[in-house]
Amino acid sequence: KIMLSHYLPESIADRDTGIYGAVAKIAVFLSIFIQAFRLGAEPFFFSHAKQANARQTYAIILQYFVIALTLIFVGLVANIEILKHFIHGKNEHEQMLYWSGLPAVPLLLFGYMCLGIYMNLSIWYRLSDQTRYGLYISAAGAILTIVLNIVLIPKFSYMGSAFVSMLAYTVMMVTSYVLGQKHYPIPYKLTRILAYLLASCVLVVLSFYIFNRNIYIGNALLLAFLAATIYFEKNQLKLILSKK
């Protein structure tokens, strides 16, 4: 927001900063889930580290964390016509102005998904006592964010910022995965995880852009995604439940 107000023309800086701040409130729903998961998961990761099957457990946790993220991602976008009413303007004109920024929401949500996955992946450098890599990855994300915001904000305003946020978190996620597999390999089911991420993105594009945020079609896509997820995960779910 600071960079938006600084690098946009004075005539639109306050308006576009306000729009960005307003629509970002919808993405907070996903951010809250990620923070709640992190608070619960991190103590478990450390307490489970000495178990023989620890790495397999971490892989399963990430897989189902990604499934939860993608379902929330699709669900939020499917119901964005309802959620937009959480954005309040002083009058009808201001509210409609805020709603014009809704196209930034899918980008922000995908960015938060990548941030959540990065937080989950980051367990490798904590458990292996190589926390310097966390500093390197965070610094790279910060530099990328600053440089690209300077380049893109004057051309694309808050949409540029939303794209930069998504890109920076994606780069941090991928970098952490690559380094983690080198220094502390965990047998993540990468193909399946990528399939869920790709499927959720396709459904979001269909719901938001192709079907123009139609609530009924969006939720039908969400239910189809949920049904497909249960079908493909049924064997693993049965195994997990049988252990209980």
C-alpha atoms as a PDB file:
ATOM      1  CA  LYS A   1       0.000   0.000   0.000  1.00  0.00           C
ATOM      2  CA  ILE A   2       2.874   2.339   0.767  1.00  0.00           C
ATOM      3  CA  MET A   3       4.372   1.775  -2.673  1.00  0.00           C
ATOM      4  CA  LEU A   4       1.011   2.246  -4.381  1.00  0.00           C
ATOM      5  CA  SER A   5       0.577   5.652  -2.786  1.00  0.00           C
ATOM      6  CA  HIS A   6       4.150   6.577  -3.705  1.00  0.00           C
ATOM      7  CA  TYR A   7       4.421   5.358  -7.306  1.00  0.00           C
ATOM      8  CA  LEU A   8       0.935   6.149  -8.617  1.00  0.00           C
ATOM      9  CA  PRO A   9      -0.011   9.606  -9.918  1.00  0.00           C
ATOM     10  CA  GLU A  10      -1.339  11.781  -7.122  1.00  0.00           C
ATOM     11  CA  SER A  11      -4.733  12.018  -8.810  1.00  0.00           C
ATOM     12  CA  ILE A  12      -5.453   8.273  -8.432  1.00  0.00           C
ATOM     13  CA  ALA A  13      -3.094   7.191  -5.652  1.00  0.00           C
ATOM     14  CA  ASP A  14      -5.575   7.422  -2.780  1.00  0.00           C
ATOM     15  CA  ARG A  15      -8.372   5.845  -4.809  1.00  0.00           C
ATOM     16  CA  ASP A  16      -6.403   2.818  -6.002  1.00  0.00           C
ATOM     17  CA  THR A  17      -4.745   2.283  -2.626  1.00  0.00           C
ATOM     18  CA  GLY A  18      -8.191   2.254  -1.052  1.00  0.00           C
ATOM     19  CA  ILE A  19      -9.484  -0.246  -3.619  1.00  0.00           C
ATOM     20  CA  TYR A  20      -6.525  -2.554  -3.043  1.00  0.00           C
ATOM     21  CA  GLY A  21      -6.902  -2.399   0.711  1.00  0.00           C
ATOM     22  CA  ALA A  22     -10.636  -3.090   0.464  1.00  0.00           C
ATOM     23  CA  VAL A  23     -10.462  -6.165  -1.781  1.00  0.00           C
ATOM     24  CA  ALA A  24      -7.518  -7.560   0.186  1.00  0.00           C
ATOM     25  CA  LYS A  25      -9.965  -8.046   3.073  1.00  0.00           C
ATOM     26  CA  ILE A  26     -11.518 -10.984   1.201  1.00  0.00           C
ATOM     27  CA  ALA A  27      -8.137 -12.706   0.932  1.00  0.00           C
ATOM     28  CA  VAL A  28      -7.762 -12.410   4.708  1.00  0.00           C
ATOM     29  CA  PHE A  29     -10.180 -15.341   5.099  1.00  0.00           C
ATOM     30  CA  LEU A  30      -7.527 -17.644   3.642  1.00  0.00           C
ATOM     31  CA  SER A  31      -4.744 -15.951   5.575  1.00  0.00           C
ATOM     32  CA  ILE A  32      -6.533 -16.639   8.875  1.00  0.00           C
ATOM     33  CA  PHE A  33      -6.793 -20.339   8.044  1.00  0.00           C
ATOM     34  CA  ILE A  34      -3.075 -20.491   7.209  1.00  0.00           C
ATOM     35  CA  GLN A  35      -2.073 -18.801  10.460  1.00  0.00           C
ATOM     36  CA  ALA A  36      -4.340 -21.090  12.490  1.00  0.00           C
ATOM     37  CA  PHE A  37      -2.827 -24.144  10.800  1.00  0.00           C
ATOM     38  CA  ARG A  38       0.687 -22.879  11.404  1.00  0.00           C
ATOM     39  CA  LEU A  39       0.078 -22.345  15.126  1.00  0.00           C
ATOM     40  CA  GLY A  40      -1.192 -25.895  15.464  1.00  0.00           C
ATOM     41  CA  ALA A  41       1.189 -27.660  13.103  1.00  0.00           C
ATOM     42  CA  GLU A  42       4.578 -26.256  14.071  1.00  0.00           C
ATOM     43  CA  PRO A  43       4.650 -27.761  17.591  1.00  0.00           C
ATOM     44  CA  PHE A  44       3.643 -31.108  16.078  1.00  0.00           C
ATOM     45  CA  PHE A  45       6.398 -30.940  13.453  1.00  0.00           C
ATOM     46  CA  PHE A  46       9.078 -30.468  16.096  1.00  0.00           C
ATOM     47  CA  SER A  47       7.690 -33.020  18.547  1.00  0.00           C
ATOM     48  CA  HIS A  48       7.415 -35.616  15.772  1.00  0.00           C
ATOM     49  CA  ALA A  49      10.868 -34.980  14.276  1.00  0.00           C
ATOM     50  CA  LYS A  50      12.568 -37.977  15.912  1.00  0.00           C
ATOM     51  CA  GLN A  51       9.940 -40.478  14.822  1.00  0.00           C
ATOM     52  CA  ALA A  52      11.030 -43.009  12.194  1.00  0.00           C
ATOM     53  CA  ASN A  53       8.183 -42.071   9.863  1.00  0.00           C
ATOM     54  CA  ALA A  54       8.443 -38.319  10.424  1.00  0.00           C
ATOM     55  CA  ARG A  55       9.187 -37.383   6.814  1.00  0.00           C
ATOM     56  CA  GLN A  56       6.338 -39.509   5.471  1.00  0.00           C
ATOM     57  CA  THR A  57       4.024 -37.817   7.977  1.00  0.00           C
ATOM     58  CA  TYR A  58       5.160 -34.356   6.863  1.00  0.00           C
ATOM     59  CA  ALA A  59       4.455 -35.319   3.254  1.00  0.00           C
ATOM     60  CA  ILE A  60       0.903 -36.415   4.100  1.00  0.00           C
ATOM     61  CA  ILE A  61       0.274 -33.248   6.108  1.00  0.00           C
ATOM     62  CA  LEU A  62       1.340 -31.039   3.217  1.00  0.00           C
ATOM     63  CA  GLN A  63      -0.822 -32.968   0.775  1.00  0.00           C
ATOM     64  CA  TYR A  64      -3.968 -32.506   2.852  1.00  0.00           C
ATOM     65  CA  PHE A  65      -3.052 -28.938   3.719  1.00  0.00           C
ATOM     66  CA  VAL A  66      -2.893 -28.190  -0.022  1.00  0.00           C
ATOM     67  CA  ILE A  67      -6.253 -29.906  -0.521  1.00  0.00           C
ATOM     68  CA  ALA A  68      -7.772 -27.708   2.195  1.00  0.00           C
ATOM     69  CA  LEU A  69      -6.192 -24.582   0.691  1.00  0.00           C
ATOM     70  CA  THR A  70      -7.454 -25.333  -2.802  1.00  0.00           C
ATOM     71  CA  LEU A  71     -10.984 -26.044  -1.582  1.00  0.00           C
ATOM     72  CA  ILE A  72     -11.036 -22.753   0.323  1.00  0.00           C
ATOM     73  CA  PHE A  73      -9.558 -20.972  -2.704  1.00  0.00           C
ATOM     74  CA  VAL A  74     -12.285 -22.259  -5.022  1.00  0.00           C
ATOM     75  CA  GLY A  75     -14.956 -21.725  -2.365  1.00  0.00           C
ATOM     76  CA  LEU A  76     -14.052 -18.087  -1.733  1.00  0.00           C
ATOM     77  CA  VAL A  77     -14.013 -17.242  -5.429  1.00  0.00           C
ATOM     78  CA  ALA A  78     -17.265 -19.163  -6.029  1.00  0.00           C
ATOM     79  CA  ASN A  79     -18.961 -17.016  -3.381  1.00  0.00           C
ATOM     80  CA  ILE A  80     -17.214 -13.738  -4.040  1.00  0.00           C
ATOM     81  CA  GLU A  81     -20.504 -12.068  -4.968  1.00  0.00           C
ATOM     82  CA  ILE A  82     -21.584 -12.663  -1.366  1.00  0.00           C
ATOM     83  CA  LEU A  83     -18.238 -11.945   0.253  1.00  0.00           C
ATOM     84  CA  LYS A  84     -17.901  -8.609  -1.529  1.00  0.00           C
ATOM     85  CA  HIS A  85     -20.589  -7.244   0.787  1.00  0.00           C
ATOM     86  CA  PHE A  86     -18.039  -7.384   3.606  1.00  0.00           C
ATOM     87  CA  ILE A  87     -16.465  -4.423   1.814  1.00  0.00           C
ATOM     88  CA  HIS A  88     -18.277  -1.313   2.974  1.00  0.00           C
ATOM     89  CA  GLY A  89     -18.029   2.098   1.400  1.00  0.00           C
ATOM     90  CA  LYS A  90     -19.267   5.416   2.748  1.00  0.00           C
ATOM     91  CA  ASN A  91     -21.836   5.487  -0.037  1.00  0.00           C
ATOM     92  CA  GLU A  92     -22.999   3.418  -3.006  1.00  0.00           C
ATOM     93  CA  HIS A  93     -20.526   5.050  -5.394  1.00  0.00           C
ATOM     94  CA  GLU A  94     -17.569   4.288  -3.146  1.00  0.00           C
ATOM     95  CA  GLN A  95     -18.738   0.721  -2.629  1.00  0.00           C
ATOM     96  CA  MET A  96     -19.031   0.141  -6.387  1.00  0.00           C
ATOM     97  CA  LEU A  97     -15.546   1.611  -6.754  1.00  0.00           C
ATOM     98  CA  TYR A  98     -14.174  -0.893  -4.258  1.00  0.00           C
ATOM     99  CA  TRP A  99     -15.928  -3.759  -6.034  1.00  0.00           C
ATOM    100  CA  SER A 100     -14.192  -2.802  -9.271  1.00  0.00           C
ATOM    101  CA  GLY A 101     -11.023  -4.197  -7.690  1.00  0.00           C
ATOM    102  CA  LEU A 102     -12.402  -7.737  -7.298  1.00  0.00           C
ATOM    103  CA  PRO A 103     -10.262  -9.094 -10.197  1.00  0.00           C
ATOM    104  CA  ALA A 104      -7.257  -8.724  -7.875  1.00  0.00           C
ATOM    105  CA  VAL A 105      -8.725 -11.182  -5.360  1.00  0.00           C
ATOM    106  CA  PRO A 106      -7.886 -14.466  -7.194  1.00  0.00           C
ATOM    107  CA  LEU A 107      -4.270 -13.324  -7.538  1.00  0.00           C
ATOM    108  CA  LEU A 108      -4.054 -12.434  -3.853  1.00  0.00           C
ATOM    109  CA  LEU A 109      -5.654 -15.734  -2.849  1.00  0.00           C
ATOM    110  CA  PHE A 110      -3.273 -17.776  -4.965  1.00  0.00           C
ATOM    111  CA  GLY A 111      -0.393 -15.834  -3.447  1.00  0.00           C
ATOM    112  CA  TYR A 112      -1.607 -16.663   0.057  1.00  0.00           C
ATOM    113  CA  MET A 113      -1.863 -20.329  -0.945  1.00  0.00           C
ATOM    114  CA  CYS A 114       1.770 -20.290  -2.026  1.00  0.00           C
ATOM    115  CA  LEU A 115       2.736 -18.520   1.199  1.00  0.00           C
ATOM    116  CA  GLY A 116       0.933 -21.179   3.225  1.00  0.00           C
ATOM    117  CA  ILE A 117       2.689 -23.968   1.349  1.00  0.00           C
ATOM    118  CA  TYR A 118       6.018 -22.182   1.809  1.00  0.00           C
ATOM    119  CA  MET A 119       5.423 -22.006   5.557  1.00  0.00           C
ATOM    120  CA  ASN A 120       4.733 -25.729   5.556  1.00  0.00           C
ATOM    121  CA  LEU A 121       7.793 -26.499   3.444  1.00  0.00           C
ATOM    122  CA  SER A 122      10.007 -24.319   5.628  1.00  0.00           C
ATOM    123  CA  ILE A 123      10.081 -27.029   8.267  1.00  0.00           C
ATOM    124  CA  TRP A 124      13.102 -28.555   6.500  1.00  0.00           C
ATOM    125  CA  TYR A 125      15.540 -25.771   7.359  1.00  0.00           C
ATOM    126  CA  ARG A 126      14.296 -25.554  10.927  1.00  0.00           C
ATOM    127  CA  LEU A 127      14.627 -29.248  11.613  1.00  0.00           C
ATOM    128  CA  SER A 128      18.020 -29.474   9.919  1.00  0.00           C
ATOM    129  CA  ASP A 129      19.343 -26.400  11.758  1.00  0.00           C
ATOM    130  CA  GLN A 130      19.895 -24.448   8.536  1.00  0.00           C
ATOM    131  CA  THR A 131      17.719 -21.449   9.321  1.00  0.00           C
ATOM    132  CA  ARG A 132      19.986 -19.174   7.297  1.00  0.00           C
ATOM    133  CA  TYR A 133      18.137 -20.437   4.239  1.00  0.00           C
ATOM    134  CA  GLY A 134      14.948 -18.931   5.638  1.00  0.00           C
ATOM    135  CA  LEU A 135      16.691 -15.562   5.682  1.00  0.00           C
ATOM    136  CA  TYR A 136      17.942 -16.013   2.107  1.00  0.00           C
ATOM    137  CA  ILE A 137      14.521 -16.999   0.782  1.00  0.00           C
ATOM    138  CA  SER A 138      12.739 -14.167   2.616  1.00  0.00           C
ATOM    139  CA  ALA A 139      15.300 -11.651   1.398  1.00  0.00           C
ATOM    140  CA  ALA A 140      14.898 -12.845  -2.195  1.00  0.00           C
ATOM    141  CA  GLY A 141      11.110 -12.518  -1.886  1.00  0.00           C
ATOM    142  CA  ALA A 142      11.434  -9.010  -0.436  1.00  0.00           C
ATOM    143  CA  ILE A 143      13.807  -7.840  -3.179  1.00  0.00           C
ATOM    144  CA  LEU A 144      11.577  -9.318  -5.880  1.00  0.00           C
ATOM    145  CA  THR A 145       8.532  -7.617  -4.334  1.00  0.00           C
ATOM    146  CA  ILE A 146      10.172  -4.203  -4.118  1.00  0.00           C
ATOM    147  CA  VAL A 147      11.743  -4.226  -7.586  1.00  0.00           C
ATOM    148  CA  LEU A 148       8.688  -5.529  -9.437  1.00  0.00           C
ATOM    149  CA  ASN A 149       6.329  -3.195  -7.591  1.00  0.00           C
ATOM    150  CA  ILE A 150       8.442  -0.247  -8.699  1.00  0.00           C
ATOM    151  CA  VAL A 151       8.260  -1.515 -12.291  1.00  0.00           C
ATOM    152  CA  LEU A 152       4.620  -2.608 -12.442  1.00  0.00           C
ATOM    153  CA  ILE A 153       2.693  -0.195 -10.217  1.00  0.00           C
ATOM    154  CA  PRO A 154       3.008   2.786 -12.601  1.00  0.00           C
ATOM    155  CA  LYS A 155       1.675   0.608 -15.455  1.00  0.00           C
ATOM    156  CA  PHE A 156      -0.895  -1.648 -13.781  1.00  0.00           C
ATOM    157  CA  SER A 157      -1.649  -0.016 -10.407  1.00  0.00           C
ATOM    158  CA  TYR A 158      -2.990  -2.422  -7.744  1.00  0.00           C
ATOM    159  CA  MET A 159      -3.310  -5.267 -10.253  1.00  0.00           C
ATOM    160  CA  GLY A 160       0.453  -5.062 -10.634  1.00  0.00           C
ATOM    161  CA  SER A 161       0.844  -5.266  -6.857  1.00  0.00           C
ATOM    162  CA  ALA A 162      -1.467  -8.281  -6.663  1.00  0.00           C
ATOM    163  CA  PHE A 163       0.499 -10.028  -9.400  1.00  0.00           C
ATOM    164  CA  VAL A 164       3.825  -9.247  -7.696  1.00  0.00           C
ATOM    165  CA  SER A 165       2.516 -10.606  -4.391  1.00  0.00           C
ATOM    166  CA  MET A 166       1.485 -13.843  -6.094  1.00  0.00           C
ATOM    167  CA  LEU A 167       4.774 -14.153  -7.983  1.00  0.00           C
ATOM    168  CA  ALA A 168       6.973 -13.455  -4.953  1.00  0.00           C
ATOM    169  CA  TYR A 169       5.237 -16.076  -2.815  1.00  0.00           C
ATOM    170  CA  THR A 170       5.354 -18.568  -5.689  1.00  0.00           C
ATOM    171  CA  VAL A 171       9.098 -18.070  -6.096  1.00  0.00           C
ATOM    172  CA  MET A 172       9.634 -18.467  -2.343  1.00  0.00           C
ATOM    173  CA  MET A 173       7.579 -21.667  -2.342  1.00  0.00           C
ATOM    174  CA  VAL A 174       9.413 -23.218  -5.297  1.00  0.00           C
ATOM    175  CA  THR A 175      12.835 -22.183  -3.958  1.00  0.00           C
ATOM    176  CA  SER A 176      12.101 -23.684  -0.559  1.00  0.00           C
ATOM    177  CA  TYR A 177      10.947 -26.938  -2.147  1.00  0.00           C
ATOM    178  CA  VAL A 178      14.043 -27.273  -4.344  1.00  0.00           C
ATOM    179  CA  LEU A 179      16.474 -26.491  -1.522  1.00  0.00           C
ATOM    180  CA  GLY A 180      14.564 -28.684   0.903  1.00  0.00           C
ATOM    181  CA  GLN A 181      14.720 -31.716  -1.361  1.00  0.00           C
ATOM    182  CA  LYS A 182      18.480 -31.210  -1.574  1.00  0.00           C
ATOM    183  CA  HIS A 183      19.224 -30.716   2.125  1.00  0.00           C
ATOM    184  CA  TYR A 184      16.357 -32.495   3.900  1.00  0.00           C
ATOM    185  CA  PRO A 185      14.414 -34.618   1.375  1.00  0.00           C
ATOM    186  CA  ILE A 186      10.771 -35.308   2.203  1.00  0.00           C
ATOM    187  CA  PRO A 187       8.741 -37.635  -0.058  1.00  0.00           C
ATOM    188  CA  TYR A 188       6.041 -35.175  -1.062  1.00  0.00           C
ATOM    189  CA  LYS A 189       3.576 -36.381  -3.680  1.00  0.00           C
ATOM    190  CA  LEU A 190       4.507 -33.530  -5.983  1.00  0.00           C
ATOM    191  CA  THR A 191       2.448 -34.663  -8.971  1.00  0.00           C
ATOM    192  CA  ARG A 192      -0.742 -34.901  -6.936  1.00  0.00           C
ATOM    193  CA  ILE A 193      -0.116 -31.594  -5.168  1.00  0.00           C
ATOM    194  CA  LEU A 194       0.479 -29.835  -8.486  1.00  0.00           C
ATOM    195  CA  ALA A 195      -2.669 -31.462  -9.879  1.00  0.00           C
ATOM    196  CA  TYR A 196      -4.758 -29.982  -7.062  1.00  0.00           C
ATOM    197  CA  LEU A 197      -3.197 -26.555  -7.520  1.00  0.00           C
ATOM    198  CA  LEU A 198      -3.743 -26.626 -11.267  1.00  0.00           C
ATOM    199  CA  ALA A 199      -7.320 -27.914 -10.948  1.00  0.00           C
ATOM    200  CA  SER A 200      -8.186 -25.188  -8.445  1.00  0.00           C
ATOM    201  CA  CYS A 201      -6.766 -22.506 -10.743  1.00  0.00           C
ATOM    202  CA  VAL A 202      -8.782 -23.828 -13.701  1.00  0.00           C
ATOM    203  CA  LEU A 203     -11.967 -23.840 -11.616  1.00  0.00           C
ATOM    204  CA  VAL A 204     -11.301 -20.317 -10.353  1.00  0.00           C
ATOM    205  CA  VAL A 205     -10.792 -19.044 -13.901  1.00  0.00           C
ATOM    206  CA  LEU A 206     -14.021 -20.740 -14.981  1.00  0.00           C
ATOM    207  CA  SER A 207     -15.968 -19.421 -11.989  1.00  0.00           C
ATOM    208  CA  PHE A 208     -14.640 -15.864 -11.987  1.00  0.00           C
ATOM    209  CA  TYR A 209     -14.004 -15.064 -15.636  1.00  0.00           C
ATOM    210  CA  ILE A 210     -15.895 -17.530 -17.845  1.00  0.00           C
ATOM    211  CA  PHE A 211     -19.119 -17.753 -15.810  1.00  0.00           C
ATOM    212  CA  ASN A 212     -18.818 -14.170 -14.557  1.00  0.00           C
ATOM    213  CA  ARG A 213     -18.919 -14.963 -10.815  1.00  0.00           C
ATOM    214  CA  ASN A 214     -22.228 -16.821 -11.013  1.00  0.00           C
ATOM    215  CA  ILE A 215     -22.806 -18.158  -7.491  1.00  0.00           C
ATOM    216  CA  TYR A 216     -24.706 -21.276  -8.552  1.00  0.00           C
ATOM    217  CA  ILE A 217     -22.222 -22.380 -11.189  1.00  0.00           C
ATOM    218  CA  GLY A 218     -19.291 -21.517  -8.943  1.00  0.00           C
ATOM    219  CA  ASN A 219     -20.612 -23.632  -6.103  1.00  0.00           C
ATOM    220  CA  ALA A 220     -21.450 -26.471  -8.499  1.00  0.00           C
ATOM    221  CA  LEU A 221     -17.801 -26.430  -9.557  1.00  0.00           C
ATOM    222  CA  LEU A 222     -16.775 -26.393  -5.894  1.00  0.00           C
ATOM    223  CA  LEU A 223     -18.943 -29.434  -5.131  1.00  0.00           C
ATOM    224  CA  ALA A 224     -17.578 -31.266  -8.175  1.00  0.00           C
ATOM    225  CA  PHE A 225     -14.042 -30.501  -6.998  1.00  0.00           C
ATOM    226  CA  LEU A 226     -14.872 -31.732  -3.492  1.00  0.00           C
ATOM    227  CA  ALA A 227     -16.409 -34.941  -4.850  1.00  0.00           C
ATOM    228  CA  ALA A 228     -13.399 -35.589  -7.093  1.00  0.00           C
ATOM    229  CA  THR A 229     -11.043 -34.968  -4.165  1.00  0.00           C
ATOM    230  CA  ILE A 230     -12.875 -37.452  -1.944  1.00  0.00           C
ATOM    231  CA  TYR A 231     -12.837 -40.013  -4.754  1.00  0.00           C
ATOM    232  CA  PHE A 232      -9.093 -39.737  -5.397  1.00  0.00           C
ATOM    233  CA  GLU A 233      -8.199 -39.613  -1.698  1.00  0.00           C
ATOM    234  CA  LYS A 234     -10.599 -42.304  -0.469  1.00  0.00           C
ATOM    235  CA  ASN A 235      -7.942 -44.990  -0.016  1.00  0.00           C
ATOM    236  CA  GLN A 236      -5.614 -42.712   1.945  1.00  0.00           C
ATOM    237  CA  LEU A 237      -8.528 -41.411   4.025  1.00  0.00           C
ATOM    238  CA  LYS A 238      -9.608 -44.964   4.871  1.00  0.00           C
ATOM    239  CA  LEU A 239      -6.036 -45.775   5.937  1.00  0.00           C
ATOM    240  CA  ILE A 240      -5.816 -42.687   8.148  1.00  0.00           C
ATOM    241  CA  LEU A 241      -9.205 -43.331   9.730  1.00  0.00           C
ATOM    242  CA  SER A 242      -8.385 -47.014  10.341  1.00  0.00           C
ATOM    243  CA  LYS A 243      -5.318 -45.982  12.367  1.00  0.00           C
ATOM    244  CA  LYS A 244      -7.531 -43.979  14.677  1.00  0.00           C
END
